[in-house]
Amino acid sequence: MPQRKEVETEQPKTSTEENVYAGVYRVLLAGMLVSSVLFAIGIALALLHPAFFPLTAKWVRGHYHALWVLHGIIRGNPLALMMAATVLLILTPVARVVTSIYAFAVDRDWKYVAITSIVLLIMIATAVAGWLGLR
């Protein structure tokens, strides 16, 4: 008579690597989905209500700020929706890095907290340098 092997059920592992990847995956997925929805709504509205945007330096300076985008989103301005989607898509990797720092800190993996924090500081310094260069 053949012997029966008992099937062992493995408990899911909660290693640092799995925690980091799960959090990063959720952040990237959410950023991509929300920005895609905003882009789709913006494109649909732009097709329904076509308008001309000159994109001259003066026009861009007058419209590329948070208050204009916020008011445009409230009013359903397609350009404002697409600008918000672009900003969200650009900020998604930053959120990924912040999520990684948090996950590494929860798992007490201080080496990777330090490395990922340096990456975040470089991203912030680059953004600030670019912003100062535009002034």
N, C-alpha and C. Protein backbone atom coordinates (compact mmCIF):
# COMPACT_ATOMS: atom_id res chain seq x y z
N MET A 1 0.82 -1.17 0.00
CA MET A 1 0.00 0.00 0.00
C MET A 1 0.88 1.26 0.00
N PRO A 2 0.63 2.18 -0.95
CA PRO A 2 1.47 3.39 -1.02
C PRO A 2 1.23 4.29 0.19
N GLN A 3 2.30 4.94 0.59
CA GLN A 3 2.18 5.86 1.72
C GLN A 3 1.65 7.21 1.25
N ARG A 4 0.81 7.79 2.08
CA ARG A 4 0.26 9.12 1.75
C ARG A 4 1.17 10.19 2.32
N LYS A 5 1.44 11.16 1.49
CA LYS A 5 2.22 12.31 1.97
C LYS A 5 1.25 13.37 2.41
N GLU A 6 1.53 13.91 3.53
CA GLU A 6 0.68 15.00 4.00
C GLU A 6 1.12 16.28 3.32
N VAL A 7 0.15 17.00 2.87
CA VAL A 7 0.43 18.26 2.18
C VAL A 7 0.57 19.35 3.23
N GLU A 8 1.70 19.98 3.17
CA GLU A 8 1.93 21.09 4.10
C GLU A 8 1.53 22.39 3.44
N THR A 9 0.81 23.18 4.18
CA THR A 9 0.44 24.50 3.66
C THR A 9 1.43 25.50 4.20
N GLU A 10 2.04 26.20 3.29
CA GLU A 10 3.03 27.20 3.70
C GLU A 10 2.34 28.50 4.04
N GLN A 11 2.77 29.08 5.11
CA GLN A 11 2.28 30.40 5.50
C GLN A 11 3.01 31.43 4.64
N PRO A 12 2.30 32.46 4.25
CA PRO A 12 2.98 33.48 3.44
C PRO A 12 4.11 34.14 4.23
N LYS A 13 5.19 34.34 3.53
CA LYS A 13 6.35 34.97 4.16
C LYS A 13 6.14 36.47 4.20
N THR A 14 6.61 37.07 5.26
CA THR A 14 6.50 38.52 5.38
C THR A 14 7.90 39.11 5.47
N SER A 15 8.71 38.81 4.49
CA SER A 15 10.07 39.32 4.48
C SER A 15 10.08 40.79 4.07
N THR A 16 11.17 41.41 4.34
CA THR A 16 11.34 42.82 3.97
C THR A 16 11.11 43.02 2.48
N GLU A 17 11.68 42.14 1.69
CA GLU A 17 11.57 42.28 0.24
C GLU A 17 10.11 42.23 -0.22
N GLU A 18 9.34 41.29 0.32
CA GLU A 18 7.94 41.19 -0.07
C GLU A 18 7.13 42.39 0.38
N ASN A 19 7.40 42.90 1.60
CA ASN A 19 6.69 44.08 2.10
C ASN A 19 6.97 45.30 1.23
N VAL A 20 8.23 45.47 0.87
CA VAL A 20 8.61 46.62 0.05
C VAL A 20 7.95 46.54 -1.31
N TYR A 21 8.04 45.36 -1.94
CA TYR A 21 7.47 45.23 -3.27
C TYR A 21 5.96 45.39 -3.28
N ALA A 22 5.28 44.91 -2.25
CA ALA A 22 3.82 45.06 -2.19
C ALA A 22 3.43 46.52 -2.07
N GLY A 23 4.09 47.26 -1.21
CA GLY A 23 3.79 48.68 -1.04
C GLY A 23 4.12 49.49 -2.28
N VAL A 24 5.27 49.21 -2.86
CA VAL A 24 5.68 49.92 -4.07
C VAL A 24 4.72 49.62 -5.21
N TYR A 25 4.31 48.38 -5.33
CA TYR A 25 3.37 47.98 -6.37
C TYR A 25 2.06 48.76 -6.23
N ARG A 26 1.54 48.83 -5.02
CA ARG A 26 0.27 49.55 -4.80
C ARG A 26 0.39 51.02 -5.15
N VAL A 27 1.49 51.64 -4.75
CA VAL A 27 1.69 53.07 -5.03
C VAL A 27 1.80 53.31 -6.54
N LEU A 28 2.60 52.51 -7.21
CA LEU A 28 2.76 52.68 -8.66
C LEU A 28 1.45 52.42 -9.40
N LEU A 29 0.73 51.40 -8.99
CA LEU A 29 -0.54 51.07 -9.63
C LEU A 29 -1.56 52.19 -9.43
N ALA A 30 -1.66 52.69 -8.20
CA ALA A 30 -2.61 53.77 -7.91
C ALA A 30 -2.27 55.03 -8.70
N GLY A 31 -1.00 55.41 -8.72
CA GLY A 31 -0.58 56.60 -9.47
C GLY A 31 -0.87 56.47 -10.95
N MET A 32 -0.58 55.29 -11.50
CA MET A 32 -0.82 55.07 -12.92
C MET A 32 -2.32 55.08 -13.23
N LEU A 33 -3.11 54.41 -12.40
CA LEU A 33 -4.56 54.35 -12.67
C LEU A 33 -5.22 55.72 -12.56
N VAL A 34 -4.93 56.45 -11.49
CA VAL A 34 -5.55 57.76 -11.30
C VAL A 34 -5.12 58.73 -12.40
N SER A 35 -3.84 58.74 -12.74
CA SER A 35 -3.39 59.65 -13.80
C SER A 35 -3.99 59.25 -15.15
N SER A 36 -4.13 57.96 -15.40
CA SER A 36 -4.74 57.52 -16.66
C SER A 36 -6.20 57.94 -16.75
N VAL A 37 -6.91 57.83 -15.64
CA VAL A 37 -8.32 58.26 -15.62
C VAL A 37 -8.40 59.76 -15.86
N LEU A 38 -7.54 60.54 -15.21
CA LEU A 38 -7.55 61.99 -15.42
C LEU A 38 -7.22 62.34 -16.87
N PHE A 39 -6.23 61.64 -17.45
CA PHE A 39 -5.90 61.88 -18.86
C PHE A 39 -7.09 61.55 -19.76
N ALA A 40 -7.74 60.43 -19.51
CA ALA A 40 -8.88 60.02 -20.34
C ALA A 40 -10.02 61.03 -20.25
N ILE A 41 -10.32 61.49 -19.03
CA ILE A 41 -11.38 62.49 -18.87
C ILE A 41 -10.99 63.79 -19.56
N GLY A 42 -9.73 64.20 -19.40
CA GLY A 42 -9.26 65.42 -20.05
C GLY A 42 -9.33 65.34 -21.56
N ILE A 43 -8.92 64.22 -22.12
CA ILE A 43 -8.98 64.05 -23.57
C ILE A 43 -10.42 64.03 -24.06
N ALA A 44 -11.29 63.34 -23.33
CA ALA A 44 -12.71 63.30 -23.72
C ALA A 44 -13.32 64.70 -23.70
N LEU A 45 -13.04 65.45 -22.64
CA LEU A 45 -13.57 66.82 -22.56
C LEU A 45 -12.99 67.72 -23.64
N ALA A 46 -11.70 67.52 -23.95
CA ALA A 46 -11.07 68.33 -25.00
C ALA A 46 -11.68 68.02 -26.36
N LEU A 47 -12.04 66.77 -26.59
CA LEU A 47 -12.67 66.42 -27.86
C LEU A 47 -14.10 66.95 -27.94
N LEU A 48 -14.78 67.00 -26.79
CA LEU A 48 -16.14 67.52 -26.77
C LEU A 48 -16.19 69.04 -26.88
N HIS A 49 -15.18 69.70 -26.30
CA HIS A 49 -15.12 71.17 -26.29
C HIS A 49 -13.75 71.61 -26.77
N PRO A 50 -13.48 71.55 -28.08
CA PRO A 50 -12.14 71.93 -28.57
C PRO A 50 -11.85 73.40 -28.32
N ALA A 51 -10.60 73.67 -28.00
CA ALA A 51 -10.16 75.05 -27.75
C ALA A 51 -8.71 75.18 -28.22
N PHE A 52 -8.33 76.41 -28.51
CA PHE A 52 -6.97 76.70 -28.94
C PHE A 52 -6.17 77.23 -27.75
N PHE A 53 -4.99 76.67 -27.51
CA PHE A 53 -4.09 77.15 -26.47
C PHE A 53 -2.80 77.57 -27.14
N PRO A 54 -2.42 78.84 -27.04
CA PRO A 54 -1.29 79.34 -27.80
C PRO A 54 0.08 78.78 -27.38
N LEU A 55 0.24 78.39 -26.13
CA LEU A 55 1.49 77.86 -25.59
C LEU A 55 2.68 78.79 -25.79
N THR A 56 2.42 80.08 -25.76
CA THR A 56 3.51 81.05 -25.76
C THR A 56 4.09 81.10 -24.35
N ALA A 57 5.27 81.67 -24.22
CA ALA A 57 5.92 81.74 -22.90
C ALA A 57 5.04 82.50 -21.91
N LYS A 58 4.42 83.58 -22.35
CA LYS A 58 3.57 84.37 -21.46
C LYS A 58 2.35 83.55 -21.02
N TRP A 59 1.73 82.82 -21.94
CA TRP A 59 0.55 82.03 -21.59
C TRP A 59 0.93 80.91 -20.62
N VAL A 60 2.05 80.27 -20.87
CA VAL A 60 2.49 79.16 -20.01
C VAL A 60 2.76 79.67 -18.59
N ARG A 61 3.47 80.79 -18.47
CA ARG A 61 3.75 81.35 -17.14
C ARG A 61 2.47 81.71 -16.40
N GLY A 62 1.46 82.13 -17.13
CA GLY A 62 0.21 82.53 -16.50
C GLY A 62 -0.68 81.36 -16.11
N HIS A 63 -0.42 80.18 -16.65
CA HIS A 63 -1.30 79.05 -16.40
C HIS A 63 -0.64 77.87 -15.70
N TYR A 64 0.65 77.85 -15.59
CA TYR A 64 1.33 76.72 -14.96
C TYR A 64 1.57 76.99 -13.48
N HIS A 65 0.51 77.03 -12.71
CA HIS A 65 0.64 77.11 -11.26
C HIS A 65 -0.53 76.37 -10.62
N ALA A 66 -0.35 75.99 -9.38
CA ALA A 66 -1.29 75.09 -8.71
C ALA A 66 -2.70 75.68 -8.61
N LEU A 67 -2.82 76.96 -8.34
CA LEU A 67 -4.14 77.57 -8.17
C LEU A 67 -4.95 77.50 -9.47
N TRP A 68 -4.30 77.77 -10.61
CA TRP A 68 -5.00 77.70 -11.89
C TRP A 68 -5.45 76.26 -12.17
N VAL A 69 -4.57 75.31 -11.88
CA VAL A 69 -4.91 73.90 -12.11
C VAL A 69 -6.07 73.49 -11.20
N LEU A 70 -6.03 73.89 -9.94
CA LEU A 70 -7.10 73.54 -9.00
C LEU A 70 -8.45 74.10 -9.47
N HIS A 71 -8.47 75.38 -9.84
CA HIS A 71 -9.70 75.99 -10.35
C HIS A 71 -10.15 75.32 -11.65
N GLY A 72 -9.18 74.96 -12.50
CA GLY A 72 -9.50 74.29 -13.75
C GLY A 72 -10.11 72.91 -13.53
N ILE A 73 -9.60 72.18 -12.54
CA ILE A 73 -10.16 70.86 -12.23
C ILE A 73 -11.59 71.00 -11.74
N ILE A 74 -11.83 71.98 -10.90
CA ILE A 74 -13.18 72.21 -10.37
C ILE A 74 -14.14 72.55 -11.51
N ARG A 75 -13.67 73.33 -12.47
CA ARG A 75 -14.52 73.73 -13.61
C ARG A 75 -14.58 72.69 -14.72
N GLY A 76 -13.75 71.64 -14.63
CA GLY A 76 -13.72 70.62 -15.67
C GLY A 76 -12.93 71.05 -16.90
N ASN A 77 -11.93 71.88 -16.70
CA ASN A 77 -11.07 72.32 -17.79
C ASN A 77 -10.18 71.15 -18.23
N PRO A 78 -10.26 70.74 -19.50
CA PRO A 78 -9.49 69.58 -19.94
C PRO A 78 -7.98 69.75 -19.77
N LEU A 79 -7.48 70.94 -20.05
CA LEU A 79 -6.05 71.17 -19.91
C LEU A 79 -5.61 71.03 -18.46
N ALA A 80 -6.39 71.55 -17.54
CA ALA A 80 -6.06 71.44 -16.11
C ALA A 80 -6.08 69.98 -15.66
N LEU A 81 -7.05 69.21 -16.15
CA LEU A 81 -7.10 67.79 -15.80
C LEU A 81 -5.86 67.05 -16.31
N MET A 82 -5.46 67.35 -17.53
CA MET A 82 -4.29 66.69 -18.09
C MET A 82 -3.00 67.15 -17.41
N MET A 83 -2.95 68.42 -17.00
CA MET A 83 -1.78 68.90 -16.26
C MET A 83 -1.70 68.20 -14.89
N ALA A 84 -2.84 68.06 -14.22
CA ALA A 84 -2.86 67.36 -12.93
C ALA A 84 -2.44 65.90 -13.11
N ALA A 85 -2.89 65.27 -14.18
CA ALA A 85 -2.51 63.89 -14.46
C ALA A 85 -1.00 63.78 -14.69
N THR A 86 -0.44 64.75 -15.39
CA THR A 86 1.00 64.75 -15.64
C THR A 86 1.78 64.91 -14.35
N VAL A 87 1.36 65.84 -13.51
CA VAL A 87 2.03 66.05 -12.22
C VAL A 87 1.95 64.78 -11.37
N LEU A 88 0.77 64.17 -11.33
CA LEU A 88 0.61 62.94 -10.57
C LEU A 88 1.51 61.83 -11.11
N LEU A 89 1.60 61.72 -12.41
CA LEU A 89 2.46 60.70 -13.01
C LEU A 89 3.93 60.97 -12.69
N ILE A 90 4.31 62.23 -12.65
CA ILE A 90 5.70 62.59 -12.31
C ILE A 90 5.98 62.32 -10.83
N LEU A 91 4.99 62.56 -9.96
CA LEU A 91 5.18 62.37 -8.52
C LEU A 91 5.07 60.91 -8.08
N THR A 92 4.58 60.04 -8.94
CA THR A 92 4.44 58.63 -8.58
C THR A 92 5.78 57.99 -8.18
N PRO A 93 6.87 58.20 -8.91
CA PRO A 93 8.14 57.62 -8.46
C PRO A 93 8.61 58.19 -7.12
N VAL A 94 8.30 59.44 -6.85
CA VAL A 94 8.65 60.02 -5.54
C VAL A 94 7.87 59.30 -4.44
N ALA A 95 6.59 59.06 -4.68
CA ALA A 95 5.78 58.32 -3.71
C ALA A 95 6.32 56.90 -3.55
N ARG A 96 6.81 56.35 -4.62
CA ARG A 96 7.40 55.00 -4.55
C ARG A 96 8.60 55.00 -3.61
N VAL A 97 9.46 56.00 -3.73
CA VAL A 97 10.64 56.08 -2.87
C VAL A 97 10.23 56.28 -1.41
N VAL A 98 9.26 57.16 -1.17
CA VAL A 98 8.78 57.39 0.21
C VAL A 98 8.19 56.11 0.78
N THR A 99 7.42 55.38 -0.01
CA THR A 99 6.85 54.11 0.44
C THR A 99 7.95 53.10 0.77
N SER A 100 8.98 53.08 -0.04
CA SER A 100 10.09 52.17 0.22
C SER A 100 10.79 52.52 1.53
N ILE A 101 11.00 53.80 1.77
CA ILE A 101 11.63 54.23 3.03
C ILE A 101 10.79 53.76 4.21
N TYR A 102 9.49 53.96 4.13
CA TYR A 102 8.59 53.54 5.21
C TYR A 102 8.66 52.02 5.41
N ALA A 103 8.59 51.26 4.33
CA ALA A 103 8.61 49.80 4.43
C ALA A 103 9.93 49.31 5.02
N PHE A 104 11.04 49.89 4.59
CA PHE A 104 12.33 49.50 5.15
C PHE A 104 12.42 49.87 6.63
N ALA A 105 11.87 51.00 7.00
CA ALA A 105 11.91 51.42 8.40
C ALA A 105 11.07 50.49 9.27
N VAL A 106 9.91 50.10 8.79
CA VAL A 106 9.06 49.17 9.54
C VAL A 106 9.79 47.85 9.76
N ASP A 107 10.51 47.41 8.74
CA ASP A 107 11.26 46.16 8.84
C ASP A 107 12.63 46.35 9.50
N ARG A 108 12.92 47.54 9.93
CA ARG A 108 14.18 47.88 10.61
C ARG A 108 15.42 47.54 9.78
N ASP A 109 15.31 47.80 8.50
CA ASP A 109 16.43 47.59 7.59
C ASP A 109 17.07 48.95 7.34
N TRP A 110 17.87 49.38 8.30
CA TRP A 110 18.38 50.75 8.34
C TRP A 110 19.33 51.06 7.19
N LYS A 111 20.04 50.07 6.71
CA LYS A 111 20.94 50.29 5.57
C LYS A 111 20.14 50.79 4.36
N TYR A 112 19.03 50.12 4.07
CA TYR A 112 18.22 50.53 2.91
C TYR A 112 17.39 51.78 3.19
N VAL A 113 17.07 52.05 4.45
CA VAL A 113 16.43 53.32 4.79
C VAL A 113 17.38 54.45 4.42
N ALA A 114 18.65 54.30 4.78
CA ALA A 114 19.64 55.34 4.49
C ALA A 114 19.84 55.51 2.98
N ILE A 115 19.99 54.41 2.27
CA ILE A 115 20.22 54.48 0.82
C ILE A 115 19.02 55.10 0.12
N THR A 116 17.82 54.66 0.48
CA THR A 116 16.62 55.18 -0.17
C THR A 116 16.38 56.64 0.20
N SER A 117 16.74 57.02 1.42
CA SER A 117 16.62 58.43 1.83
C SER A 117 17.56 59.31 1.02
N ILE A 118 18.74 58.80 0.72
CA ILE A 118 19.66 59.56 -0.12
C ILE A 118 19.07 59.74 -1.52
N VAL A 119 18.44 58.70 -2.04
CA VAL A 119 17.78 58.80 -3.35
C VAL A 119 16.69 59.88 -3.30
N LEU A 120 15.89 59.89 -2.22
CA LEU A 120 14.84 60.91 -2.08
C LEU A 120 15.44 62.31 -2.01
N LEU A 121 16.52 62.48 -1.26
CA LEU A 121 17.16 63.79 -1.18
C LEU A 121 17.69 64.24 -2.54
N ILE A 122 18.22 63.33 -3.32
CA ILE A 122 18.70 63.67 -4.66
C ILE A 122 17.53 64.10 -5.55
N MET A 123 16.40 63.39 -5.43
CA MET A 123 15.22 63.77 -6.22
C MET A 123 14.73 65.16 -5.83
N ILE A 124 14.69 65.43 -4.53
CA ILE A 124 14.25 66.75 -4.05
C ILE A 124 15.22 67.84 -4.50
N ALA A 125 16.52 67.58 -4.36
CA ALA A 125 17.53 68.57 -4.77
C ALA A 125 17.44 68.86 -6.26
N THR A 126 17.19 67.84 -7.05
CA THR A 126 17.06 68.03 -8.49
C THR A 126 15.83 68.88 -8.83
N ALA A 127 14.72 68.60 -8.15
CA ALA A 127 13.51 69.38 -8.38
C ALA A 127 13.70 70.84 -7.97
N VAL A 128 14.34 71.06 -6.83
CA VAL A 128 14.58 72.43 -6.36
C VAL A 128 15.53 73.15 -7.32
N ALA A 129 16.57 72.47 -7.77
CA ALA A 129 17.51 73.10 -8.72
C ALA A 129 16.80 73.45 -10.02
N GLY A 130 15.94 72.58 -10.49
CA GLY A 130 15.17 72.88 -11.71
C GLY A 130 14.22 74.04 -11.50
N TRP A 131 13.56 74.08 -10.34
CA TRP A 131 12.64 75.17 -10.04
C TRP A 131 13.37 76.49 -9.94
N LEU A 132 14.54 76.50 -9.30
CA LEU A 132 15.32 77.73 -9.19
C LEU A 132 15.85 78.17 -10.55
N GLY A 133 16.13 77.21 -11.41
CA GLY A 133 16.61 77.54 -12.75
C GLY A 133 15.56 78.17 -13.61
N LEU A 134 14.28 77.94 -13.30
CA LEU A 134 13.19 78.51 -14.06
C LEU A 134 12.90 79.94 -13.64
N ARG A 135 13.43 80.37 -12.55
CA ARG A 135 13.15 81.73 -12.04
C ARG A 135 14.05 82.75 -12.67
